[in-house]
C-alpha atoms as a PDB file:
ATOM      1  CA  MET A   1     128.973-131.013  -1.733  1.00  0.00           C
ATOM      2  CA  PHE A   2     128.484-134.105  -0.727  1.00  0.00           C
ATOM      3  CA  ARG A   3     128.242-132.915   3.139  1.00  0.00           C
ATOM      4  CA  SER A   4     125.579-130.724   2.029  1.00  0.00           C
ATOM      5  CA  PHE A   5     123.702-133.410   0.270  1.00  0.00           C
ATOM      6  CA  THR A   6     123.816-135.613   3.483  1.00  0.00           C
ATOM      7  CA  ARG A   7     122.831-132.249   6.085  1.00  0.00           C
ATOM      8  CA  ILE A   8     119.656-131.853   3.554  1.00  0.00           C
ATOM      9  CA  ALA A   9     119.128-135.974   3.478  1.00  0.00           C
ATOM     10  CA  VAL A  10     119.382-135.800   7.283  1.00  0.00           C
ATOM     11  CA  ALA A  11     117.199-132.736   8.096  1.00  0.00           C
ATOM     12  CA  GLY A  12     114.714-133.839   5.545  1.00  0.00           C
ATOM     13  CA  ALA A  13     114.339-137.441   7.094  1.00  0.00           C
ATOM     14  CA  ALA A  14     114.340-135.626  11.169  1.00  0.00           C
ATOM     15  CA  VAL A  15     111.554-133.591   9.159  1.00  0.00           C
ATOM     16  CA  ALA A  16     109.259-136.398   7.885  1.00  0.00           C
ATOM     17  CA  THR A  17     110.049-138.397  11.236  1.00  0.00           C
ATOM     18  CA  VAL A  18     108.176-135.164  13.184  1.00  0.00           C
ATOM     19  CA  PHE A  19     105.187-135.135  10.786  1.00  0.00           C
ATOM     20  CA  ALA A  20     104.680-138.762  10.697  1.00  0.00           C
ATOM     21  CA  GLY A  21     104.575-138.723  14.555  1.00  0.00           C
ATOM     22  CA  THR A  22     102.169-135.903  14.288  1.00  0.00           C
ATOM     23  CA  THR A  23      99.965-137.844  11.881  1.00  0.00           C
ATOM     24  CA  SER A  24      99.392-140.830  13.934  1.00  0.00           C
ATOM     25  CA  THR A  25      98.380-138.576  16.880  1.00  0.00           C
ATOM     26  CA  ALA A  26      95.897-136.893  15.394  1.00  0.00           C
ATOM     27  CA  GLN A  27      94.333-140.090  13.734  1.00  0.00           C
ATOM     28  CA  ALA A  28      94.296-141.425  17.299  1.00  0.00           C
ATOM     29  CA  SER A  29      92.663-138.677  18.575  1.00  0.00           C
ATOM     30  CA  ASP A  30      89.810-138.784  16.151  1.00  0.00           C
ATOM     31  CA  PHE A  31      89.010-142.483  16.731  1.00  0.00           C
ATOM     32  CA  SER A  32      88.685-141.282  20.448  1.00  0.00           C
ATOM     33  CA  THR A  33      86.111-138.751  19.219  1.00  0.00           C
ATOM     34  CA  LEU A  34      83.865-142.018  17.687  1.00  0.00           C
ATOM     35  CA  ASP A  35      83.254-142.699  20.821  1.00  0.00           C
ATOM     36  CA  SER A  36      79.419-140.846  21.080  1.00  0.00           C
ATOM     37  CA  ASP A  37      78.228-143.381  24.371  1.00  0.00           C
ATOM     38  CA  LYS A  38      76.703-141.336  27.325  1.00  0.00           C
ATOM     39  CA  LYS A  39      76.233-141.720  30.813  1.00  0.00           C
ATOM     40  CA  ILE A  40      74.736-139.353  33.782  1.00  0.00           C
ATOM     41  CA  SER A  41      74.567-139.977  37.393  1.00  0.00           C
ATOM     42  CA  LEU A  42      72.224-139.592  40.341  1.00  0.00           C
ATOM     43  CA  PRO A  43      74.272-138.144  43.284  1.00  0.00           C
ATOM     44  CA  GLY A  44      75.622-140.273  46.318  1.00  0.00           C
ATOM     45  CA  GLY A  45      75.702-143.640  43.419  1.00  0.00           C
ATOM     46  CA  ARG A  46      71.842-143.868  43.169  1.00  0.00           C
ATOM     47  CA  GLY A  47      71.800-144.683  39.911  1.00  0.00           C
ATOM     48  CA  THR A  48      72.821-144.435  36.259  1.00  0.00           C
ATOM     49  CA  MET A  49      71.386-143.633  33.305  1.00  0.00           C
ATOM     50  CA  THR A  50      73.670-144.701  29.740  1.00  0.00           C
ATOM     51  CA  PHE A  51      72.930-144.159  26.145  1.00  0.00           C
ATOM     52  CA  ILE A  52      74.856-147.247  24.004  1.00  0.00           C
ATOM     53  CA  ASP A  53      75.362-145.513  20.732  1.00  0.00           C
ATOM     54  CA  ASP A  54      76.148-149.286  18.957  1.00  0.00           C
ATOM     55  CA  GLY A  55      72.494-150.195  18.632  1.00  0.00           C
ATOM     56  CA  ASP A  56      70.701-147.123  20.112  1.00  0.00           C
ATOM     57  CA  VAL A  57      70.111-148.558  23.760  1.00  0.00           C
ATOM     58  CA  PHE A  58      69.134-146.831  26.777  1.00  0.00           C
ATOM     59  CA  LYS A  59      69.863-148.803  30.068  1.00  0.00           C
ATOM     60  CA  VAL A  60      68.659-147.530  33.457  1.00  0.00           C
ATOM     61  CA  CYS A  61      70.505-148.859  36.399  1.00  0.00           C
ATOM     62  CA  ASP A  62      69.080-147.876  40.036  1.00  0.00           C
ATOM     63  CA  THR A  63      72.746-148.595  42.273  1.00  0.00           C
ATOM     64  CA  LYS A  64      71.630-148.047  45.745  1.00  0.00           C
ATOM     65  CA  ALA A  65      69.720-150.959  47.626  1.00  0.00           C
ATOM     66  CA  ASP A  66      67.832-148.046  49.485  1.00  0.00           C
ATOM     67  CA  GLY A  67      64.154-148.485  48.750  1.00  0.00           C
ATOM     68  CA  HIS A  68      63.599-146.329  45.783  1.00  0.00           C
ATOM     69  CA  GLY A  69      64.269-147.385  42.326  1.00  0.00           C
ATOM     70  CA  VAL A  70      65.212-144.806  39.482  1.00  0.00           C
ATOM     71  CA  SER A  71      63.402-143.654  36.216  1.00  0.00           C
ATOM     72  CA  GLY A  72      64.747-142.296  32.648  1.00  0.00           C
ATOM     73  CA  ARG A  73      63.587-140.459  30.016  1.00  0.00           C
ATOM     74  CA  LEU A  74      64.501-139.679  26.814  1.00  0.00           C
ATOM     75  CA  ILE A  75      62.963-136.356  25.683  1.00  0.00           C
ATOM     76  CA  ASP A  76      63.160-134.292  22.000  1.00  0.00           C
ATOM     77  CA  ASN A  77      63.878-130.725  21.492  1.00  0.00           C
ATOM     78  CA  ASN A  78      59.908-130.132  21.654  1.00  0.00           C
ATOM     79  CA  TYR A  79      59.925-132.019  25.185  1.00  0.00           C
ATOM     80  CA  ASN A  80      57.782-134.805  23.379  1.00  0.00           C
ATOM     81  CA  GLU A  81      58.983-138.048  25.751  1.00  0.00           C
ATOM     82  CA  LYS A  82      60.198-140.677  23.178  1.00  0.00           C
ATOM     83  CA  LEU A  83      61.236-143.244  26.747  1.00  0.00           C
ATOM     84  CA  TYR A  84      60.553-143.772  30.014  1.00  0.00           C
ATOM     85  CA  ILE A  85      62.730-146.551  31.876  1.00  0.00           C
ATOM     86  CA  THR A  86      62.410-147.291  35.467  1.00  0.00           C
ATOM     87  CA  ASP A  87      64.685-149.743  37.237  1.00  0.00           C
ATOM     88  CA  GLY A  88      64.736-150.750  41.044  1.00  0.00           C
ATOM     89  CA  GLY A  89      63.974-154.130  43.450  1.00  0.00           C
ATOM     90  CA  ASP A  90      65.434-156.278  40.822  1.00  0.00           C
ATOM     91  CA  SER A  91      68.862-157.445  39.865  1.00  0.00           C
ATOM     92  CA  GLY A  92      69.936-155.808  36.450  1.00  0.00           C
ATOM     93  CA  CYS A  93      68.745-152.823  34.666  1.00  0.00           C
ATOM     94  CA  GLY A  94      65.929-151.405  32.673  1.00  0.00           C
ATOM     95  CA  LYS A  95      66.920-151.207  28.941  1.00  0.00           C
ATOM     96  CA  ASP A  96      65.049-149.877  25.535  1.00  0.00           C
ATOM     97  CA  GLY A  97      65.466-148.720  22.652  1.00  0.00           C
ATOM     98  CA  TYR A  98      65.333-145.787  20.141  1.00  0.00           C
ATOM     99  CA  ASP A  99      66.458-144.809  17.280  1.00  0.00           C
ATOM    100  CA  VAL A 100      68.214-141.077  18.214  1.00  0.00           C
ATOM    101  CA  GLY A 101      69.100-139.959  14.204  1.00  0.00           C
ATOM    102  CA  GLN A 102      70.989-137.071  13.508  1.00  0.00           C
ATOM    103  CA  PHE A 103      67.752-134.518  12.590  1.00  0.00           C
ATOM    104  CA  GLY A 104      66.521-133.185  16.060  1.00  0.00           C
ATOM    105  CA  SER A 105      67.902-133.237  19.731  1.00  0.00           C
ATOM    106  CA  TYR A 106      67.672-135.694  22.479  1.00  0.00           C
ATOM    107  CA  GLN A 107      68.222-135.432  26.212  1.00  0.00           C
ATOM    108  CA  MET A 108      68.429-137.881  29.237  1.00  0.00           C
ATOM    109  CA  GLN A 109      67.022-137.199  32.152  1.00  0.00           C
ATOM    110  CA  LEU A 110      67.318-139.400  35.426  1.00  0.00           C
ATOM    111  CA  SER A 111      64.905-139.036  38.815  1.00  0.00           C
ATOM    112  CA  TRP A 112      65.387-140.817  41.842  1.00  0.00           C
ATOM    113  CA  ASN A 113      61.982-141.736  42.752  1.00  0.00           C
ATOM    114  CA  GLY A 114      62.609-140.915  46.684  1.00  0.00           C
ATOM    115  CA  ASP A 115      62.534-137.262  46.526  1.00  0.00           C
ATOM    116  CA  GLY A 116      61.945-136.679  42.748  1.00  0.00           C
ATOM    117  CA  TYR A 117      65.716-134.953  42.412  1.00  0.00           C
ATOM    118  CA  ASP A 118      66.765-135.541  39.120  1.00  0.00           C
ATOM    119  CA  VAL A 119      69.943-134.727  36.659  1.00  0.00           C
ATOM    120  CA  LYS A 120      69.748-133.596  32.827  1.00  0.00           C
ATOM    121  CA  SER A 121      72.362-134.667  29.873  1.00  0.00           C
ATOM    122  CA  GLU A 122      73.477-132.013  27.239  1.00  0.00           C
ATOM    123  CA  TRP A 123      71.283-132.084  24.538  1.00  0.00           C
ATOM    124  CA  PHE A 124      72.678-134.577  21.749  1.00  0.00           C
ATOM    125  CA  ASN A 125      72.394-136.479  18.490  1.00  0.00           C
ATOM    126  CA  GLU A 126      73.984-138.727  16.285  1.00  0.00           C
END
C-alpha cells in the first residue's frame, strides 16, 4: 500500500511540474504580445517610420544621405490625414504625437521624396 501511495505522489508531482512549466511559458508569451510598437521601412535603407505606443509618438527618420528626405503620414480609416511628419537634411528624426485610441483604425504611410515610392503599415489601433 505504501508503494502505491508513493507512485501516486511521484506521478502527481510530475503532472504538477509539467503544468507549472506550461503556465509560465504561456505567461511569458502573453507579455510579448503587450509590445504594440509598429515600424515600417523603405527599401534600400532610405527611411523608417515608427509608432511608439508608450506616449503615442510617431517618429520619421531619413536614414540615407541621398539628397532626398522622407515623409510620413498617419491616416484614419476614413482616409483623413491625422499627422504629416518629414525628415531629411538634418540630424535626428522628425517626431510628433497623436492619440490613436481604441476606436477607429489607423495606417502609417512612409514615402521617399525622391520618386514618391511609399510603404504602408497594416491597419491598427490600441
